Amino acid sequence: MDIDDARRMNQQFSSVVPNYTDILFAIPPGSTKLTDADNVGSAVHLEHESNMLAITCNHVATPGCNYFTNGRRLPTPQIPVDIDAMVPPVDVVSRSNPHDLAVLDTSELPLTKHGKNRYDLKKSSVVRYESLKGKEGLAAYIYGTWAKHTPVHDYEDGVSYSEIVVFSSIGPIIDISKDVITVDITEKDVLAVNQSANIPDEDKIPSGGSRDISGCSGCGLWIMCKEPILAGTLVGPIVATSTKHTTRCTPIWRTIELITNIH
């Protein structure tokens, strides 16, 4: 894939995937302050049959915490005085330690009012180990919270504010097993830069190797069919050196198994 093809594909993904992707805060009991968060990560909102859920990584949804996602989106980076932006915490309804997954019940969240939609998980039924195996080299896309560039602020009246900066990347799938999809996201070219975000110049150029993308854990791994299809969940790095960056992702069929077994 040349750079022009990559930019076109990036536009296709970025016109759809952000609608389903959100930030997730794991905050210790007794606090509602974003600055107290034990973990900051990403989540994908989805629906499965009649269940309204979100999927993230088990290590992001720290046990014993309260979990917050889908804060009210603002048209400008400031808090209007007449806005009620409160959202309730959500509960983890299932976990998988082996596959590093956590499923949250988001049925009480005003998702569409806050600028997000739910991905229909049945679209991912076409992504199976048997159908994906042998397709190494297929382009995959990640899009999640770039925690190091996402400032948070807690106000005295209890309202918390975060200006979320995201990281996205396209790279080839290089290995597929029943439990792990490995993707090479080594940076070679820049496909797009959010000029409005307060990102230092050194983070606007390709690293040529690893990149600190803490906060992306829990975001989706997407592949392109007729439309972007959720193929997995980003878990973390496998190799992160000055010349290479590969990530491990839990395949979507493991997510479907976990959700299907929720009682």
C-alpha atoms as a PDB file:
ATOM      1  CA  MET A   1       0.000   0.000   0.000  1.00  0.00           C
ATOM      2  CA  ASP A   2       1.444   3.383  -0.964  1.00  0.00           C
ATOM      3  CA  ILE A   3       0.986   6.558   1.062  1.00  0.00           C
ATOM      4  CA  ASP A   4      -1.910   7.863  -1.042  1.00  0.00           C
ATOM      5  CA  ASP A   5      -3.835   4.595  -0.616  1.00  0.00           C
ATOM      6  CA  ALA A   6      -3.114   4.689   3.111  1.00  0.00           C
ATOM      7  CA  ARG A   7      -4.439   8.245   3.396  1.00  0.00           C
ATOM      8  CA  ARG A   8      -7.625   7.323   1.528  1.00  0.00           C
ATOM      9  CA  MET A   9      -8.146   4.293   3.764  1.00  0.00           C
ATOM     10  CA  ASN A  10      -7.450   6.404   6.842  1.00  0.00           C
ATOM     11  CA  GLN A  11     -10.221   8.794   5.792  1.00  0.00           C
ATOM     12  CA  GLN A  12     -12.626   5.876   5.373  1.00  0.00           C
ATOM     13  CA  PHE A  13     -11.864   4.513   8.815  1.00  0.00           C
ATOM     14  CA  SER A  14     -11.803   7.898  10.546  1.00  0.00           C
ATOM     15  CA  SER A  15     -15.236   8.815   9.180  1.00  0.00           C
ATOM     16  CA  VAL A  16     -16.812   5.847  11.011  1.00  0.00           C
ATOM     17  CA  VAL A  17     -14.719   4.463  13.879  1.00  0.00           C
ATOM     18  CA  PRO A  18     -14.781   7.569  16.164  1.00  0.00           C
ATOM     19  CA  ASN A  19     -18.569   7.251  16.369  1.00  0.00           C
ATOM     20  CA  TYR A  20     -18.157   4.056  18.407  1.00  0.00           C
ATOM     21  CA  THR A  21     -14.946   4.801  20.336  1.00  0.00           C
ATOM     22  CA  ASP A  22     -14.809   6.511  23.726  1.00  0.00           C
ATOM     23  CA  ILE A  23     -12.517   7.254  26.639  1.00  0.00           C
ATOM     24  CA  LEU A  24     -12.822   5.204  29.851  1.00  0.00           C
ATOM     25  CA  PHE A  25     -11.769   6.280  33.351  1.00  0.00           C
ATOM     26  CA  ALA A  26     -11.308   3.836  36.241  1.00  0.00           C
ATOM     27  CA  ILE A  27     -11.644   5.925  39.414  1.00  0.00           C
ATOM     28  CA  PRO A  28     -11.129   4.617  42.979  1.00  0.00           C
ATOM     29  CA  PRO A  29     -14.166   4.415  45.312  1.00  0.00           C
ATOM     30  CA  GLY A  30     -14.852   7.636  47.181  1.00  0.00           C
ATOM     31  CA  SER A  31     -13.758   9.900  44.339  1.00  0.00           C
ATOM     32  CA  THR A  32     -15.344  11.183  41.133  1.00  0.00           C
ATOM     33  CA  LYS A  33     -12.306  13.221  40.087  1.00  0.00           C
ATOM     34  CA  LEU A  34     -10.737  12.377  36.743  1.00  0.00           C
ATOM     35  CA  THR A  35      -7.343  13.369  38.142  1.00  0.00           C
ATOM     36  CA  ASP A  36      -7.659  10.519  40.678  1.00  0.00           C
ATOM     37  CA  ALA A  37      -8.081   7.887  37.950  1.00  0.00           C
ATOM     38  CA  ASP A  38      -6.208   4.626  38.450  1.00  0.00           C
ATOM     39  CA  ASN A  39      -6.391   3.995  34.716  1.00  0.00           C
ATOM     40  CA  VAL A  40      -7.337   5.851  31.553  1.00  0.00           C
ATOM     41  CA  GLY A  41      -8.065   3.799  28.469  1.00  0.00           C
ATOM     42  CA  SER A  42     -10.384   3.349  25.524  1.00  0.00           C
ATOM     43  CA  ALA A  43     -13.659   1.534  24.967  1.00  0.00           C
ATOM     44  CA  VAL A  44     -15.892   0.608  22.043  1.00  0.00           C
ATOM     45  CA  HIS A  45     -19.643   0.991  22.418  1.00  0.00           C
ATOM     46  CA  LEU A  46     -21.622  -1.847  20.890  1.00  0.00           C
ATOM     47  CA  GLU A  47     -24.900  -3.672  20.907  1.00  0.00           C
ATOM     48  CA  HIS A  48     -25.388  -7.418  20.897  1.00  0.00           C
ATOM     49  CA  GLU A  49     -28.969  -8.562  20.488  1.00  0.00           C
ATOM     50  CA  SER A  50     -30.771  -6.535  23.192  1.00  0.00           C
ATOM     51  CA  ASN A  51     -27.663  -5.814  25.265  1.00  0.00           C
ATOM     52  CA  MET A  52     -26.118  -2.313  25.286  1.00  0.00           C
ATOM     53  CA  LEU A  53     -22.478  -2.756  26.174  1.00  0.00           C
ATOM     54  CA  ALA A  54     -18.947  -1.436  25.892  1.00  0.00           C
ATOM     55  CA  ILE A  55     -15.778  -3.477  25.548  1.00  0.00           C
ATOM     56  CA  THR A  56     -12.394  -2.537  26.954  1.00  0.00           C
ATOM     57  CA  CYS A  57      -9.324  -4.277  28.362  1.00  0.00           C
ATOM     58  CA  ASN A  58      -9.480  -6.053  31.695  1.00  0.00           C
ATOM     59  CA  HIS A  59      -6.316  -4.257  32.802  1.00  0.00           C
ATOM     60  CA  VAL A  60      -7.922  -0.875  32.031  1.00  0.00           C
ATOM     61  CA  ALA A  61     -11.063  -1.599  34.105  1.00  0.00           C
ATOM     62  CA  THR A  62      -9.143  -1.917  37.378  1.00  0.00           C
ATOM     63  CA  PRO A  63     -11.126  -4.120  39.809  1.00  0.00           C
ATOM     64  CA  GLY A  64     -12.747  -2.242  42.674  1.00  0.00           C
ATOM     65  CA  CYS A  65     -13.002   1.059  40.816  1.00  0.00           C
ATOM     66  CA  ASN A  66     -15.897   3.053  39.422  1.00  0.00           C
ATOM     67  CA  TYR A  67     -15.931   3.285  35.639  1.00  0.00           C
ATOM     68  CA  PHE A  68     -16.948   6.363  33.685  1.00  0.00           C
ATOM     69  CA  THR A  69     -17.327   6.767  29.939  1.00  0.00           C
ATOM     70  CA  ASN A  70     -19.367   8.774  27.416  1.00  0.00           C
ATOM     71  CA  GLY A  71     -19.039  12.213  28.954  1.00  0.00           C
ATOM     72  CA  ARG A  72     -21.042  15.011  27.335  1.00  0.00           C
ATOM     73  CA  ARG A  73     -19.326  16.358  24.204  1.00  0.00           C
ATOM     74  CA  LEU A  74     -18.866  20.127  24.005  1.00  0.00           C
ATOM     75  CA  PRO A  75     -18.791  22.189  20.786  1.00  0.00           C
ATOM     76  CA  THR A  76     -15.840  24.221  22.068  1.00  0.00           C
ATOM     77  CA  PRO A  77     -13.098  23.455  24.624  1.00  0.00           C
ATOM     78  CA  GLN A  78     -14.829  25.169  27.542  1.00  0.00           C
ATOM     79  CA  ILE A  79     -17.553  24.388  30.088  1.00  0.00           C
ATOM     80  CA  PRO A  80     -20.812  26.306  29.441  1.00  0.00           C
ATOM     81  CA  VAL A  81     -22.483  27.483  32.653  1.00  0.00           C
ATOM     82  CA  ASP A  82     -25.876  26.014  31.712  1.00  0.00           C
ATOM     83  CA  ILE A  83     -24.870  22.443  30.886  1.00  0.00           C
ATOM     84  CA  ASP A  84     -25.616  19.302  32.881  1.00  0.00           C
ATOM     85  CA  ALA A  85     -22.861  16.920  31.915  1.00  0.00           C
ATOM     86  CA  MET A  86     -23.263  14.338  34.679  1.00  0.00           C
ATOM     87  CA  VAL A  87     -23.076  10.675  33.694  1.00  0.00           C
ATOM     88  CA  PRO A  88     -23.531   7.660  35.994  1.00  0.00           C
ATOM     89  CA  PRO A  89     -20.805   5.082  36.536  1.00  0.00           C
ATOM     90  CA  VAL A  90     -21.131   1.833  34.595  1.00  0.00           C
ATOM     91  CA  ASP A  91     -20.672  -1.724  35.829  1.00  0.00           C
ATOM     92  CA  VAL A  92     -18.392  -4.480  34.565  1.00  0.00           C
ATOM     93  CA  VAL A  93     -20.634  -7.474  33.826  1.00  0.00           C
ATOM     94  CA  SER A  94     -17.987  -9.910  32.603  1.00  0.00           C
ATOM     95  CA  ARG A  95     -14.209 -10.257  32.563  1.00  0.00           C
ATOM     96  CA  SER A  96     -11.683 -12.494  30.858  1.00  0.00           C
ATOM     97  CA  ASN A  97      -8.197 -12.523  32.356  1.00  0.00           C
ATOM     98  CA  PRO A  98      -6.731 -14.823  29.662  1.00  0.00           C
ATOM     99  CA  HIS A  99      -7.930 -12.524  26.853  1.00  0.00           C
ATOM    100  CA  ASP A 100      -7.626  -9.254  28.799  1.00  0.00           C
ATOM    101  CA  LEU A 101     -11.231  -8.216  28.152  1.00  0.00           C
ATOM    102  CA  ALA A 102     -13.866  -6.480  30.238  1.00  0.00           C
ATOM    103  CA  VAL A 103     -17.499  -5.953  29.256  1.00  0.00           C
ATOM    104  CA  LEU A 104     -19.467  -3.029  30.692  1.00  0.00           C
ATOM    105  CA  ASP A 105     -23.213  -2.476  30.852  1.00  0.00           C
ATOM    106  CA  THR A 106     -23.851   0.948  29.268  1.00  0.00           C
ATOM    107  CA  SER A 107     -27.623   0.671  28.900  1.00  0.00           C
ATOM    108  CA  GLU A 108     -28.211   3.671  31.206  1.00  0.00           C
ATOM    109  CA  LEU A 109     -25.941   6.050  29.302  1.00  0.00           C
ATOM    110  CA  PRO A 110     -27.420   8.729  26.998  1.00  0.00           C
ATOM    111  CA  LEU A 111     -25.047   7.649  24.275  1.00  0.00           C
ATOM    112  CA  THR A 112     -26.501   9.360  21.220  1.00  0.00           C
ATOM    113  CA  LYS A 113     -27.139  12.586  23.145  1.00  0.00           C
ATOM    114  CA  HIS A 114     -23.448  12.626  23.939  1.00  0.00           C
ATOM    115  CA  GLY A 115     -22.352  12.187  20.343  1.00  0.00           C
ATOM    116  CA  LYS A 116     -21.730   8.446  20.161  1.00  0.00           C
ATOM    117  CA  ASN A 117     -23.411   5.390  18.616  1.00  0.00           C
ATOM    118  CA  ARG A 118     -23.316   1.655  19.204  1.00  0.00           C
ATOM    119  CA  TYR A 119     -21.576  -0.697  16.817  1.00  0.00           C
ATOM    120  CA  ASP A 120     -23.761  -3.672  15.864  1.00  0.00           C
ATOM    121  CA  LEU A 121     -21.652  -6.653  16.899  1.00  0.00           C
ATOM    122  CA  LYS A 122     -23.409  -8.992  14.477  1.00  0.00           C
ATOM    123  CA  LYS A 123     -21.472  -7.253  11.671  1.00  0.00           C
ATOM    124  CA  SER A 124     -18.338  -8.876  13.097  1.00  0.00           C
ATOM    125  CA  SER A 125     -19.722 -12.402  12.761  1.00  0.00           C
ATOM    126  CA  VAL A 126     -17.901 -12.612   9.411  1.00  0.00           C
ATOM    127  CA  VAL A 127     -14.561 -12.208  11.201  1.00  0.00           C
ATOM    128  CA  ARG A 128     -13.632 -15.730  12.229  1.00  0.00           C
ATOM    129  CA  TYR A 129     -10.290 -17.401  12.773  1.00  0.00           C
ATOM    130  CA  GLU A 130     -10.890 -19.679   9.792  1.00  0.00           C
ATOM    131  CA  SER A 131     -11.741 -16.757   7.502  1.00  0.00           C
ATOM    132  CA  LEU A 132      -8.958 -14.439   8.705  1.00  0.00           C
ATOM    133  CA  LYS A 133      -6.127 -16.950   8.885  1.00  0.00           C
ATOM    134  CA  GLY A 134      -4.016 -16.722   5.759  1.00  0.00           C
ATOM    135  CA  LYS A 135      -4.798 -13.038   5.262  1.00  0.00           C
ATOM    136  CA  GLU A 136      -1.629 -11.767   6.908  1.00  0.00           C
ATOM    137  CA  GLY A 137      -0.740  -8.428   5.332  1.00  0.00           C
ATOM    138  CA  LEU A 138      -4.313  -7.157   5.575  1.00  0.00           C
ATOM    139  CA  ALA A 139      -4.434  -3.501   6.643  1.00  0.00           C
ATOM    140  CA  ALA A 140      -5.790  -2.849  10.139  1.00  0.00           C
ATOM    141  CA  TYR A 141      -6.688   0.378  11.909  1.00  0.00           C
ATOM    142  CA  ILE A 142      -6.561   1.434  15.554  1.00  0.00           C
ATOM    143  CA  TYR A 143      -8.078   4.575  17.086  1.00  0.00           C
ATOM    144  CA  GLY A 144      -7.949   5.319  20.784  1.00  0.00           C
ATOM    145  CA  THR A 145      -7.207   7.746  23.588  1.00  0.00           C
ATOM    146  CA  TRP A 146      -3.712   9.257  23.551  1.00  0.00           C
ATOM    147  CA  ALA A 147      -3.445   9.589  27.318  1.00  0.00           C
ATOM    148  CA  LYS A 148      -0.154  11.522  27.494  1.00  0.00           C
ATOM    149  CA  HIS A 149      -1.707  14.382  25.514  1.00  0.00           C
ATOM    150  CA  THR A 150      -5.167  14.288  27.124  1.00  0.00           C
ATOM    151  CA  PRO A 151      -5.375  16.865  29.937  1.00  0.00           C
ATOM    152  CA  VAL A 152      -8.008  16.582  32.657  1.00  0.00           C
ATOM    153  CA  HIS A 153      -9.261  19.197  35.100  1.00  0.00           C
ATOM    154  CA  ASP A 154     -11.562  18.894  38.111  1.00  0.00           C
ATOM    155  CA  TYR A 155     -13.690  21.892  39.081  1.00  0.00           C
ATOM    156  CA  GLU A 156     -14.765  22.750  42.636  1.00  0.00           C
ATOM    157  CA  ASP A 157     -18.446  22.183  41.784  1.00  0.00           C
ATOM    158  CA  GLY A 158     -17.747  18.533  40.964  1.00  0.00           C
ATOM    159  CA  VAL A 159     -17.642  18.847  37.178  1.00  0.00           C
ATOM    160  CA  SER A 160     -14.611  17.301  35.489  1.00  0.00           C
ATOM    161  CA  TYR A 161     -13.322  18.305  32.077  1.00  0.00           C
ATOM    162  CA  SER A 162     -11.054  16.472  29.661  1.00  0.00           C
ATOM    163  CA  GLU A 163      -9.888  17.545  26.231  1.00  0.00           C
ATOM    164  CA  ILE A 164      -9.441  14.153  24.601  1.00  0.00           C
ATOM    165  CA  VAL A 165      -6.625  13.700  22.098  1.00  0.00           C
ATOM    166  CA  VAL A 166      -6.657  10.538  20.000  1.00  0.00           C
ATOM    167  CA  PHE A 167      -4.044   8.420  18.268  1.00  0.00           C
ATOM    168  CA  SER A 168      -4.754   6.413  15.138  1.00  0.00           C
ATOM    169  CA  SER A 169      -2.634   4.166  12.958  1.00  0.00           C
ATOM    170  CA  ILE A 170      -2.875   1.838   9.975  1.00  0.00           C
ATOM    171  CA  GLY A 171      -0.575  -1.159   9.738  1.00  0.00           C
ATOM    172  CA  PRO A 172      -0.501  -4.716   8.449  1.00  0.00           C
ATOM    173  CA  ILE A 173      -1.664  -7.766  10.360  1.00  0.00           C
ATOM    174  CA  ILE A 174       1.449  -9.926  10.597  1.00  0.00           C
ATOM    175  CA  ASP A 175       0.241 -12.932  12.575  1.00  0.00           C
ATOM    176  CA  ILE A 176      -3.096 -14.534  13.446  1.00  0.00           C
ATOM    177  CA  SER A 177      -3.772 -17.168  16.082  1.00  0.00           C
ATOM    178  CA  LYS A 178      -6.953 -18.202  17.833  1.00  0.00           C
ATOM    179  CA  ASP A 179      -6.117 -15.940  20.782  1.00  0.00           C
ATOM    180  CA  VAL A 180      -3.973 -13.100  19.403  1.00  0.00           C
ATOM    181  CA  ILE A 181      -3.873 -10.916  16.305  1.00  0.00           C
ATOM    182  CA  THR A 182      -0.486  -9.228  15.901  1.00  0.00           C
ATOM    183  CA  VAL A 183      -0.331  -5.902  14.073  1.00  0.00           C
ATOM    184  CA  ASP A 184       2.714  -3.903  12.998  1.00  0.00           C
ATOM    185  CA  ILE A 185       2.121  -0.205  13.711  1.00  0.00           C
ATOM    186  CA  THR A 186       5.726   0.917  13.196  1.00  0.00           C
ATOM    187  CA  GLU A 187       5.444   4.553  12.097  1.00  0.00           C
ATOM    188  CA  LYS A 188       6.749   5.346   8.629  1.00  0.00           C
ATOM    189  CA  ASP A 189       4.565   8.209   7.385  1.00  0.00           C
ATOM    190  CA  VAL A 190       2.069  10.707   8.769  1.00  0.00           C
ATOM    191  CA  LEU A 191      -1.455  10.202   7.455  1.00  0.00           C
ATOM    192  CA  ALA A 192      -3.122  13.051   9.368  1.00  0.00           C
ATOM    193  CA  VAL A 193      -2.406  15.430  12.248  1.00  0.00           C
ATOM    194  CA  ASN A 194      -4.958  17.090  14.493  1.00  0.00           C
ATOM    195  CA  GLN A 195      -3.747  20.663  14.213  1.00  0.00           C
ATOM    196  CA  SER A 196      -6.035  21.843  17.033  1.00  0.00           C
ATOM    197  CA  ALA A 197      -4.513  19.493  19.607  1.00  0.00           C
ATOM    198  CA  ASN A 198      -1.654  20.644  21.808  1.00  0.00           C
ATOM    199  CA  ILE A 199       0.834  18.056  20.557  1.00  0.00           C
ATOM    200  CA  PRO A 200       4.590  18.800  20.579  1.00  0.00           C
ATOM    201  CA  ASP A 201       6.378  18.766  17.247  1.00  0.00           C
ATOM    202  CA  GLU A 202       8.330  15.596  18.059  1.00  0.00           C
ATOM    203  CA  ASP A 203       5.047  13.683  18.316  1.00  0.00           C
ATOM    204  CA  LYS A 204       3.843  14.935  14.931  1.00  0.00           C
ATOM    205  CA  ILE A 205       6.562  13.131  12.971  1.00  0.00           C
ATOM    206  CA  PRO A 206       6.996   9.372  12.434  1.00  0.00           C
ATOM    207  CA  SER A 207       8.955   7.738  15.226  1.00  0.00           C
ATOM    208  CA  GLY A 208      10.352   5.056  12.924  1.00  0.00           C
ATOM    209  CA  GLY A 209       9.792   2.622  15.763  1.00  0.00           C
ATOM    210  CA  SER A 210       7.887   2.524  19.013  1.00  0.00           C
ATOM    211  CA  ARG A 211       5.443   5.143  20.235  1.00  0.00           C
ATOM    212  CA  ASP A 212       3.949   5.622  23.697  1.00  0.00           C
ATOM    213  CA  ILE A 213       0.241   5.165  22.975  1.00  0.00           C
ATOM    214  CA  SER A 214      -0.849   4.511  26.550  1.00  0.00           C
ATOM    215  CA  GLY A 215      -4.605   4.982  26.746  1.00  0.00           C
ATOM    216  CA  CYS A 216      -5.276   3.156  23.489  1.00  0.00           C
ATOM    217  CA  SER A 217      -5.669  -0.119  25.363  1.00  0.00           C
ATOM    218  CA  GLY A 218      -9.273  -1.188  24.903  1.00  0.00           C
ATOM    219  CA  CYS A 219      -9.734   0.525  21.557  1.00  0.00           C
ATOM    220  CA  GLY A 220     -10.877  -1.419  18.525  1.00  0.00           C
ATOM    221  CA  LEU A 221      -8.857  -3.135  15.851  1.00  0.00           C
ATOM    222  CA  TRP A 222     -10.712  -2.489  12.597  1.00  0.00           C
ATOM    223  CA  ILE A 223     -10.450  -3.958   9.108  1.00  0.00           C
ATOM    224  CA  MET A 224     -12.070  -2.718   5.916  1.00  0.00           C
ATOM    225  CA  CYS A 225     -14.752  -4.730   4.154  1.00  0.00           C
ATOM    226  CA  LYS A 226     -17.560  -2.768   2.528  1.00  0.00           C
ATOM    227  CA  GLU A 227     -17.338  -0.708   5.710  1.00  0.00           C
ATOM    228  CA  PRO A 228     -15.075  -0.732   8.773  1.00  0.00           C
ATOM    229  CA  ILE A 229     -15.572  -3.974  10.710  1.00  0.00           C
ATOM    230  CA  LEU A 230     -14.490  -4.522  14.317  1.00  0.00           C
ATOM    231  CA  ALA A 231     -11.933  -7.343  14.297  1.00  0.00           C
ATOM    232  CA  GLY A 232     -10.452  -7.158  17.777  1.00  0.00           C
ATOM    233  CA  THR A 233      -9.418  -5.180  20.852  1.00  0.00           C
ATOM    234  CA  LEU A 234      -5.977  -3.626  21.272  1.00  0.00           C
ATOM    235  CA  VAL A 235      -4.291  -4.959  24.404  1.00  0.00           C
ATOM    236  CA  GLY A 236      -0.692  -3.716  24.369  1.00  0.00           C
ATOM    237  CA  PRO A 237       2.769  -3.893  22.798  1.00  0.00           C
ATOM    238  CA  ILE A 238       4.641  -7.041  21.875  1.00  0.00           C
ATOM    239  CA  VAL A 239       7.847  -5.465  20.536  1.00  0.00           C
ATOM    240  CA  ALA A 240       8.531  -1.767  21.117  1.00  0.00           C
ATOM    241  CA  THR A 241      12.024  -0.709  20.076  1.00  0.00           C
ATOM    242  CA  SER A 242      13.635   2.181  18.221  1.00  0.00           C
ATOM    243  CA  THR A 243      12.988   0.400  14.913  1.00  0.00           C
ATOM    244  CA  LYS A 244       9.834  -1.643  15.463  1.00  0.00           C
ATOM    245  CA  HIS A 245       6.440  -1.515  17.162  1.00  0.00           C
ATOM    246  CA  THR A 246       4.079  -4.466  17.105  1.00  0.00           C
ATOM    247  CA  THR A 247       0.920  -4.822  19.166  1.00  0.00           C
ATOM    248  CA  ARG A 248      -1.184  -7.721  20.351  1.00  0.00           C
ATOM    249  CA  CYS A 249      -4.930  -7.609  19.949  1.00  0.00           C
ATOM    250  CA  THR A 250      -7.591  -9.986  21.247  1.00  0.00           C
ATOM    251  CA  PRO A 251      -9.626 -11.290  18.280  1.00  0.00           C
ATOM    252  CA  ILE A 252     -13.277 -10.340  18.045  1.00  0.00           C
ATOM    253  CA  TRP A 253     -14.389 -13.981  18.176  1.00  0.00           C
ATOM    254  CA  ARG A 254     -13.126 -14.093  21.778  1.00  0.00           C
ATOM    255  CA  THR A 255     -15.188 -10.976  22.546  1.00  0.00           C
ATOM    256  CA  ILE A 256     -18.278 -12.548  20.991  1.00  0.00           C
ATOM    257  CA  GLU A 257     -17.749 -15.703  23.066  1.00  0.00           C
ATOM    258  CA  LEU A 258     -17.448 -13.664  26.264  1.00  0.00           C
ATOM    259  CA  ILE A 259     -20.565 -11.580  25.564  1.00  0.00           C
ATOM    260  CA  THR A 260     -22.600 -14.565  24.451  1.00  0.00           C
ATOM    261  CA  ASN A 261     -21.909 -16.291  27.776  1.00  0.00           C
ATOM    262  CA  ILE A 262     -23.166 -13.370  29.895  1.00  0.00           C
ATOM    263  CA  HIS A 263     -26.182 -14.455  31.947  1.00  0.00           C
END
